[in-house]
Amino acid sequence: MNVNTSNLNTSLNYSNLSIKQEKAEGIINNLPTKIESSSFKFSSIQVDFQSSSIENNFQKNYEEFQNFLSDVGYSGKPIATLNKDEASQLVSEDGLFGVKQTSERIANFVLSGAGDDKDMLLAGRKGIIQGFKEAESMWGGKLPDISYTTIDKAVEMIDKRLQDLGFSVLDEKI
């Protein structure tokens, strides 16, 4: 029996080509779904990363704020949970965040760092004023009145120290 293998090979080749074409079409047809699915997964990862980043920033800022409160001597309940009377007490004249104690903390930072050095005292004074101007800018304009009173008192304490040492701030360009 004589079998014509050339027709068989041709038909197998067409069959293989047909199978390969179907696989390719299936892959191509499913590609948009796979791309969308991958994009969704990537977007989800990106959102998770951003959420995690925001959460980490919040946690970091929260910890820094808690450290600040501790550094200035606050050991009361969380600031966000204070009622109106408790918050008012903290910013009252004798309160931890009132004019007296806050201006003393600001001035003492400069006074203890500068000692009797006129240039250092003047630089600290200038720094306080510059920092206050930057705070106004970040705030978007005029700060609450308590802020101006506090800075005035802090600068007065530095000016008094300069006067006690025989220097005058009037002679300086600040």
C-alpha atoms as a PDB file:
ATOM      1  CA  MET A   1       0.000   0.000   0.000  1.00  0.00           C
ATOM      2  CA  ASN A   2       1.266   3.295  -0.978  1.00  0.00           C
ATOM      3  CA  VAL A   3       0.359   6.220   1.359  1.00  0.00           C
ATOM      4  CA  ASN A   4       0.848   9.728   0.184  1.00  0.00           C
ATOM      5  CA  THR A   5       2.607  11.280   3.142  1.00  0.00           C
ATOM      6  CA  SER A   6       2.917  14.670   1.561  1.00  0.00           C
ATOM      7  CA  ASN A   7      -0.833  15.275   1.868  1.00  0.00           C
ATOM      8  CA  LEU A   8      -0.729  14.029   5.453  1.00  0.00           C
ATOM      9  CA  ASN A   9       2.160  16.343   6.326  1.00  0.00           C
ATOM     10  CA  THR A  10       0.397  19.273   4.703  1.00  0.00           C
ATOM     11  CA  SER A  11      -2.758  18.557   6.565  1.00  0.00           C
ATOM     12  CA  LEU A  12      -0.859  18.195   9.870  1.00  0.00           C
ATOM     13  CA  ASN A  13       0.941  21.434   9.192  1.00  0.00           C
ATOM     14  CA  TYR A  14      -2.345  23.203   8.556  1.00  0.00           C
ATOM     15  CA  SER A  15      -3.772  21.606  11.655  1.00  0.00           C
ATOM     16  CA  ASN A  16      -0.808  22.761  13.759  1.00  0.00           C
ATOM     17  CA  LEU A  17      -1.034  26.208  12.211  1.00  0.00           C
ATOM     18  CA  SER A  18      -4.728  26.322  12.975  1.00  0.00           C
ATOM     19  CA  ILE A  19      -4.122  25.299  16.609  1.00  0.00           C
ATOM     20  CA  LYS A  20      -1.352  27.887  16.948  1.00  0.00           C
ATOM     21  CA  GLN A  21      -3.553  30.553  15.401  1.00  0.00           C
ATOM     22  CA  GLU A  22      -6.400  29.722  17.823  1.00  0.00           C
ATOM     23  CA  LYS A  23      -4.010  29.926  20.784  1.00  0.00           C
ATOM     24  CA  ALA A  24      -2.641  33.249  19.540  1.00  0.00           C
ATOM     25  CA  GLU A  25      -6.155  34.618  19.007  1.00  0.00           C
ATOM     26  CA  GLY A  26      -7.158  33.435  22.481  1.00  0.00           C
ATOM     27  CA  ILE A  27      -4.137  35.151  24.025  1.00  0.00           C
ATOM     28  CA  ILE A  28      -4.745  38.338  22.039  1.00  0.00           C
ATOM     29  CA  ASN A  29      -8.467  38.329  22.849  1.00  0.00           C
ATOM     30  CA  ASN A  30      -7.754  37.872  26.569  1.00  0.00           C
ATOM     31  CA  LEU A  31      -4.952  40.444  26.590  1.00  0.00           C
ATOM     32  CA  PRO A  32      -7.160  43.492  27.361  1.00  0.00           C
ATOM     33  CA  THR A  33      -8.678  41.636  30.312  1.00  0.00           C
ATOM     34  CA  LYS A  34      -5.249  40.649  31.576  1.00  0.00           C
ATOM     35  CA  ILE A  35      -3.939  44.205  31.111  1.00  0.00           C
ATOM     36  CA  GLU A  36      -6.973  45.654  32.910  1.00  0.00           C
ATOM     37  CA  SER A  37      -6.582  43.100  35.657  1.00  0.00           C
ATOM     38  CA  SER A  38      -2.861  43.872  35.968  1.00  0.00           C
ATOM     39  CA  SER A  39      -3.575  47.613  35.916  1.00  0.00           C
ATOM     40  CA  PHE A  40      -6.162  47.135  38.616  1.00  0.00           C
ATOM     41  CA  LYS A  41      -3.699  45.150  40.698  1.00  0.00           C
ATOM     42  CA  PHE A  42      -1.037  47.808  40.109  1.00  0.00           C
ATOM     43  CA  SER A  43      -3.525  50.551  41.014  1.00  0.00           C
ATOM     44  CA  SER A  44      -4.465  48.641  44.147  1.00  0.00           C
ATOM     45  CA  ILE A  45      -0.817  48.299  45.086  1.00  0.00           C
ATOM     46  CA  GLN A  46      -0.301  52.001  44.389  1.00  0.00           C
ATOM     47  CA  VAL A  47      -3.330  52.946  46.507  1.00  0.00           C
ATOM     48  CA  ASP A  48      -2.166  50.611  49.282  1.00  0.00           C
ATOM     49  CA  PHE A  49       1.302  52.166  49.098  1.00  0.00           C
ATOM     50  CA  GLN A  50      -0.134  55.681  49.188  1.00  0.00           C
ATOM     51  CA  SER A  51      -2.457  54.777  52.063  1.00  0.00           C
ATOM     52  CA  SER A  52       0.448  53.224  53.886  1.00  0.00           C
ATOM     53  CA  SER A  53       2.570  56.301  53.196  1.00  0.00           C
ATOM     54  CA  ILE A  54      -0.169  58.632  54.482  1.00  0.00           C
ATOM     55  CA  GLU A  55      -0.636  56.415  57.532  1.00  0.00           C
ATOM     56  CA  ASN A  56       3.125  56.389  58.164  1.00  0.00           C
ATOM     57  CA  ASN A  57       3.296  60.188  57.810  1.00  0.00           C
ATOM     58  CA  PHE A  58       0.362  60.594  60.173  1.00  0.00           C
ATOM     59  CA  GLN A  59       1.983  58.255  62.686  1.00  0.00           C
ATOM     60  CA  LYS A  60       5.319  60.075  62.396  1.00  0.00           C
ATOM     61  CA  ASN A  61       3.668  63.509  62.810  1.00  0.00           C
ATOM     62  CA  TYR A  62       1.613  62.233  65.728  1.00  0.00           C
ATOM     63  CA  GLU A  63       4.714  60.893  67.476  1.00  0.00           C
ATOM     64  CA  GLU A  64       6.611  64.141  66.860  1.00  0.00           C
ATOM     65  CA  PHE A  65       3.699  66.120  68.299  1.00  0.00           C
ATOM     66  CA  GLN A  66       3.544  63.855  71.349  1.00  0.00           C
ATOM     67  CA  ASN A  67       7.298  64.312  71.827  1.00  0.00           C
ATOM     68  CA  PHE A  68       6.878  68.077  71.557  1.00  0.00           C
ATOM     69  CA  LEU A  69       4.135  68.041  74.177  1.00  0.00           C
ATOM     70  CA  SER A  70       6.310  65.956  76.450  1.00  0.00           C
ATOM     71  CA  ASP A  71       9.320  68.232  75.877  1.00  0.00           C
ATOM     72  CA  VAL A  72       7.355  71.293  76.948  1.00  0.00           C
ATOM     73  CA  GLY A  73       6.047  69.530  80.029  1.00  0.00           C
ATOM     74  CA  TYR A  74       2.555  68.533  78.961  1.00  0.00           C
ATOM     75  CA  SER A  75       1.430  65.264  80.467  1.00  0.00           C
ATOM     76  CA  GLY A  76      -2.337  65.686  80.363  1.00  0.00           C
ATOM     77  CA  LYS A  77      -4.882  63.816  78.351  1.00  0.00           C
ATOM     78  CA  PRO A  78      -4.697  63.854  74.535  1.00  0.00           C
ATOM     79  CA  ILE A  79      -5.148  67.374  73.161  1.00  0.00           C
ATOM     80  CA  ALA A  80      -7.876  66.281  70.723  1.00  0.00           C
ATOM     81  CA  THR A  81     -10.024  65.014  73.602  1.00  0.00           C
ATOM     82  CA  LEU A  82      -9.950  68.224  75.671  1.00  0.00           C
ATOM     83  CA  ASN A  83     -13.232  69.974  76.262  1.00  0.00           C
ATOM     84  CA  LYS A  84     -13.538  73.740  75.824  1.00  0.00           C
ATOM     85  CA  ASP A  85     -12.790  74.554  79.490  1.00  0.00           C
ATOM     86  CA  GLU A  86      -9.722  72.288  79.587  1.00  0.00           C
ATOM     87  CA  ALA A  87      -8.358  73.788  76.367  1.00  0.00           C
ATOM     88  CA  SER A  88      -9.016  77.318  77.640  1.00  0.00           C
ATOM     89  CA  GLN A  89      -7.092  76.524  80.821  1.00  0.00           C
ATOM     90  CA  LEU A  90      -4.056  75.426  78.794  1.00  0.00           C
ATOM     91  CA  VAL A  91      -3.909  78.765  76.945  1.00  0.00           C
ATOM     92  CA  SER A  92      -4.862  80.935  79.932  1.00  0.00           C
ATOM     93  CA  GLU A  93      -2.298  83.401  81.273  1.00  0.00           C
ATOM     94  CA  ASP A  94      -0.854  80.825  83.659  1.00  0.00           C
ATOM     95  CA  GLY A  95      -1.523  77.803  81.446  1.00  0.00           C
ATOM     96  CA  LEU A  96       1.221  75.695  79.933  1.00  0.00           C
ATOM     97  CA  PHE A  97       0.519  77.191  76.496  1.00  0.00           C
ATOM     98  CA  GLY A  98      -0.364  80.637  77.806  1.00  0.00           C
ATOM     99  CA  VAL A  99       1.641  83.790  77.062  1.00  0.00           C
ATOM    100  CA  LYS A 100       3.825  83.653  80.164  1.00  0.00           C
ATOM    101  CA  GLN A 101       5.095  80.080  79.957  1.00  0.00           C
ATOM    102  CA  THR A 102       5.345  79.965  76.175  1.00  0.00           C
ATOM    103  CA  SER A 103       7.243  83.251  75.886  1.00  0.00           C
ATOM    104  CA  GLU A 104       9.600  82.061  78.641  1.00  0.00           C
ATOM    105  CA  ARG A 105      10.273  78.808  76.771  1.00  0.00           C
ATOM    106  CA  ILE A 106      11.032  80.708  73.560  1.00  0.00           C
ATOM    107  CA  ALA A 107      13.231  83.320  75.224  1.00  0.00           C
ATOM    108  CA  ASN A 108      15.026  80.800  77.440  1.00  0.00           C
ATOM    109  CA  PHE A 109      15.975  78.777  74.398  1.00  0.00           C
ATOM    110  CA  VAL A 110      17.851  81.797  73.023  1.00  0.00           C
ATOM    111  CA  LEU A 111      19.129  83.039  76.390  1.00  0.00           C
ATOM    112  CA  SER A 112      20.556  79.695  77.465  1.00  0.00           C
ATOM    113  CA  GLY A 113      22.107  79.046  74.064  1.00  0.00           C
ATOM    114  CA  ALA A 114      23.634  82.500  73.640  1.00  0.00           C
ATOM    115  CA  GLY A 115      24.793  83.175  77.178  1.00  0.00           C
ATOM    116  CA  ASP A 116      26.366  86.643  77.302  1.00  0.00           C
ATOM    117  CA  ASP A 117      27.334  86.689  73.627  1.00  0.00           C
ATOM    118  CA  LYS A 118      25.782  89.811  72.062  1.00  0.00           C
ATOM    119  CA  ASP A 119      25.939  88.476  68.505  1.00  0.00           C
ATOM    120  CA  MET A 120      24.317  85.202  69.488  1.00  0.00           C
ATOM    121  CA  LEU A 121      21.574  87.006  71.426  1.00  0.00           C
ATOM    122  CA  LEU A 122      20.886  89.254  68.436  1.00  0.00           C
ATOM    123  CA  ALA A 123      20.897  86.276  66.062  1.00  0.00           C
ATOM    124  CA  GLY A 124      18.451  84.434  68.324  1.00  0.00           C
ATOM    125  CA  ARG A 125      16.236  87.507  68.514  1.00  0.00           C
ATOM    126  CA  LYS A 126      16.305  87.836  64.749  1.00  0.00           C
ATOM    127  CA  GLY A 127      15.545  84.128  64.374  1.00  0.00           C
ATOM    128  CA  ILE A 128      12.481  84.373  66.607  1.00  0.00           C
ATOM    129  CA  ILE A 129      11.124  87.292  64.609  1.00  0.00           C
ATOM    130  CA  GLN A 130      11.862  85.561  61.289  1.00  0.00           C
ATOM    131  CA  GLY A 131      10.262  82.333  62.473  1.00  0.00           C
ATOM    132  CA  PHE A 132       7.194  84.250  63.551  1.00  0.00           C
ATOM    133  CA  LYS A 133       6.923  85.894  60.117  1.00  0.00           C
ATOM    134  CA  GLU A 134       7.177  82.445  58.511  1.00  0.00           C
ATOM    135  CA  ALA A 135       4.433  81.169  60.815  1.00  0.00           C
ATOM    136  CA  GLU A 136       2.211  84.057  59.706  1.00  0.00           C
ATOM    137  CA  SER A 137       2.872  83.167  56.087  1.00  0.00           C
ATOM    138  CA  MET A 138       2.099  79.463  56.646  1.00  0.00           C
ATOM    139  CA  TRP A 139      -1.037  80.412  58.571  1.00  0.00           C
ATOM    140  CA  GLY A 140      -2.085  82.592  55.644  1.00  0.00           C
ATOM    141  CA  GLY A 141      -2.011  85.973  57.327  1.00  0.00           C
ATOM    142  CA  LYS A 142      -2.715  87.316  60.770  1.00  0.00           C
ATOM    143  CA  LEU A 143      -2.221  84.855  63.631  1.00  0.00           C
ATOM    144  CA  PRO A 144      -4.397  84.780  66.740  1.00  0.00           C
ATOM    145  CA  ASP A 145      -3.701  87.734  69.076  1.00  0.00           C
ATOM    146  CA  ILE A 146      -2.181  85.475  71.742  1.00  0.00           C
ATOM    147  CA  SER A 147       0.655  84.718  69.309  1.00  0.00           C
ATOM    148  CA  TYR A 148       1.652  88.384  68.966  1.00  0.00           C
ATOM    149  CA  THR A 149       1.552  88.919  72.709  1.00  0.00           C
ATOM    150  CA  THR A 150       3.691  85.800  73.230  1.00  0.00           C
ATOM    151  CA  ILE A 151       6.356  86.812  70.705  1.00  0.00           C
ATOM    152  CA  ASP A 152       6.457  90.386  72.060  1.00  0.00           C
ATOM    153  CA  LYS A 153       7.089  89.042  75.582  1.00  0.00           C
ATOM    154  CA  ALA A 154       9.810  86.643  74.368  1.00  0.00           C
ATOM    155  CA  VAL A 155      11.601  89.411  72.447  1.00  0.00           C
ATOM    156  CA  GLU A 156      11.281  91.728  75.485  1.00  0.00           C
ATOM    157  CA  MET A 157      13.099  89.155  77.637  1.00  0.00           C
ATOM    158  CA  ILE A 158      15.958  88.956  75.133  1.00  0.00           C
ATOM    159  CA  ASP A 159      16.071  92.756  74.836  1.00  0.00           C
ATOM    160  CA  LYS A 160      16.246  93.021  78.625  1.00  0.00           C
ATOM    161  CA  ARG A 161      19.188  90.618  78.696  1.00  0.00           C
ATOM    162  CA  LEU A 162      20.941  92.660  76.014  1.00  0.00           C
ATOM    163  CA  GLN A 163      20.329  95.855  78.012  1.00  0.00           C
ATOM    164  CA  ASP A 164      21.608  94.216  81.201  1.00  0.00           C
ATOM    165  CA  LEU A 165      24.819  93.425  79.293  1.00  0.00           C
ATOM    166  CA  GLY A 166      25.067  97.071  78.134  1.00  0.00           C
ATOM    167  CA  PHE A 167      23.885  96.576  74.573  1.00  0.00           C
ATOM    168  CA  SER A 168      20.997  98.248  72.788  1.00  0.00           C
ATOM    169  CA  VAL A 169      18.897  96.709  70.072  1.00  0.00           C
ATOM    170  CA  LEU A 170      18.208 100.195  68.770  1.00  0.00           C
ATOM    171  CA  ASP A 171      21.790 100.333  67.490  1.00  0.00           C
ATOM    172  CA  GLU A 172      21.285  97.171  65.421  1.00  0.00           C
ATOM    173  CA  LYS A 173      19.616  96.640  62.052  1.00  0.00           C
ATOM    174  CA  ILE A 174      17.232  93.774  62.615  1.00  0.00           C
END
